[in-house]
Amino acid sequence: MILVLSMLIFGLISTIGYILDRSGRFRISALCYMFYGSMLMWSVDLYTELKEDGLKALAMNPGEMIDDLLLSASVTVLALAVWGVINAWHAFRKPARVTEAA
């Protein structure tokens, strides 16, 4: 549950950033795809757990909560790192040559 909520929150934040970045300079769409993809994956996992175990799937002990929080943090950091590499690659690549036809 923590995983789904955290990715939903980060997905909504990145969607707001996508709307505000009209120029497309920061390529926030890649960040949206990563967060919404992980949210979809964990939502399906939560659905199957609820279908199999019922409400017992929502009961978490402190160890499981810490595991979920660490996994959410690691996925967020990895997504931000990949997004940073994408932005750096686009910032430092050579622009394509434009040849004019005479």
Protein backbone atom coordinates (compact mmCIF):
# COMPACT_ATOMS: atom_id res chain seq x y z
CA MET A 1 0.00 0.00 0.00
CA ILE A 2 2.85 2.36 0.85
CA LEU A 3 4.47 1.64 -2.52
CA VAL A 4 1.32 2.44 -4.47
CA LEU A 5 0.66 5.65 -2.52
CA SER A 6 4.21 6.93 -2.79
CA MET A 7 4.42 6.30 -6.54
CA LEU A 8 0.99 7.90 -6.99
CA ILE A 9 2.17 11.00 -5.14
CA PHE A 10 5.43 11.22 -7.11
CA GLY A 11 3.55 10.54 -10.33
CA LEU A 12 1.13 13.37 -9.65
CA ILE A 13 4.00 15.72 -8.76
CA SER A 14 5.80 14.84 -11.99
CA THR A 15 2.56 15.31 -13.95
CA ILE A 16 2.22 18.81 -12.51
CA GLY A 17 5.85 19.46 -13.50
CA TYR A 18 5.10 18.14 -16.98
CA ILE A 19 2.20 20.56 -17.33
CA LEU A 20 4.29 23.49 -16.10
CA ASP A 21 7.26 22.65 -18.36
CA ARG A 22 5.73 23.79 -21.61
CA SER A 23 9.04 23.94 -23.47
CA GLY A 24 9.88 20.29 -22.78
CA ARG A 25 13.34 21.34 -21.67
CA PHE A 26 13.45 19.05 -18.64
CA ARG A 27 11.91 15.95 -20.29
CA ILE A 28 9.60 15.32 -17.38
CA SER A 29 7.57 12.90 -19.48
CA ALA A 30 10.27 10.26 -18.89
CA LEU A 31 9.87 10.76 -15.15
CA CYS A 32 6.08 10.43 -15.48
CA TYR A 33 6.47 7.15 -17.38
CA MET A 34 8.79 5.73 -14.73
CA PHE A 35 6.58 6.66 -11.76
CA TYR A 36 3.30 5.66 -13.37
CA GLY A 37 4.81 2.41 -14.63
CA SER A 38 5.96 1.44 -11.15
CA MET A 39 2.62 2.52 -9.67
CA LEU A 40 0.76 0.34 -12.18
CA MET A 41 3.01 -2.63 -11.41
CA TRP A 42 2.51 -2.33 -7.65
CA SER A 43 -1.23 -1.67 -8.04
CA VAL A 44 -1.64 -4.95 -9.90
CA ASP A 45 0.43 -6.68 -7.22
CA LEU A 46 -1.74 -5.16 -4.47
CA TYR A 47 -4.91 -6.18 -6.32
CA THR A 48 -3.78 -9.80 -6.62
CA GLU A 49 -2.78 -9.88 -2.95
CA LEU A 50 -6.16 -8.47 -1.93
CA LYS A 51 -7.91 -11.00 -4.14
CA GLU A 52 -5.95 -13.92 -2.66
CA ASP A 53 -5.62 -12.91 1.01
CA GLY A 54 -8.42 -10.40 1.52
CA LEU A 55 -7.85 -7.59 3.98
CA LYS A 56 -4.99 -9.51 5.59
CA ALA A 57 -2.80 -8.17 2.77
CA LEU A 58 -3.16 -4.63 4.16
CA ALA A 59 -2.02 -5.59 7.67
CA MET A 60 1.68 -4.82 7.88
CA ASN A 61 4.17 -5.33 10.63
CA PRO A 62 6.92 -2.74 11.24
CA GLY A 63 9.50 -4.78 9.31
CA GLU A 64 7.33 -4.84 6.19
CA MET A 65 6.69 -1.10 6.50
CA ILE A 66 10.41 -0.38 6.63
CA ASP A 67 10.99 -2.65 3.63
CA ASP A 68 8.27 -0.83 1.65
CA LEU A 69 9.65 2.58 2.59
CA LEU A 70 13.19 1.58 1.58
CA LEU A 71 11.95 0.14 -1.71
CA SER A 72 9.95 3.32 -2.41
CA ALA A 73 12.97 5.47 -1.63
CA SER A 74 15.29 3.37 -3.78
CA VAL A 75 12.90 3.40 -6.76
CA THR A 76 12.48 7.17 -6.41
CA VAL A 77 16.23 7.76 -6.25
CA LEU A 78 16.85 5.45 -9.21
CA ALA A 79 14.13 7.16 -11.29
CA LEU A 80 15.59 10.58 -10.49
CA ALA A 81 19.08 9.35 -11.37
CA VAL A 82 17.92 7.97 -14.73
CA TRP A 83 16.04 11.21 -15.39
CA GLY A 84 19.21 13.19 -14.57
CA VAL A 85 21.22 11.08 -17.02
CA ILE A 86 18.59 11.63 -19.72
CA ASN A 87 18.70 15.40 -19.14
CA ALA A 88 22.51 15.46 -19.09
CA TRP A 89 22.71 13.43 -22.29
CA HIS A 90 20.34 15.79 -24.09
CA ALA A 91 22.17 18.84 -22.74
CA PHE A 92 25.64 17.72 -23.83
CA ARG A 93 24.99 16.03 -27.14
CA LYS A 94 25.98 17.83 -30.29
CA PRO A 95 23.17 19.49 -32.17
CA ALA A 96 22.38 17.97 -35.54
CA ARG A 97 23.86 19.77 -38.49
CA VAL A 98 21.43 21.58 -40.65
CA THR A 99 22.35 21.58 -44.31
CA GLU A 100 20.61 23.94 -46.60
CA ALA A 101 19.70 22.81 -50.08
CA ALA A 102 20.85 25.34 -52.67
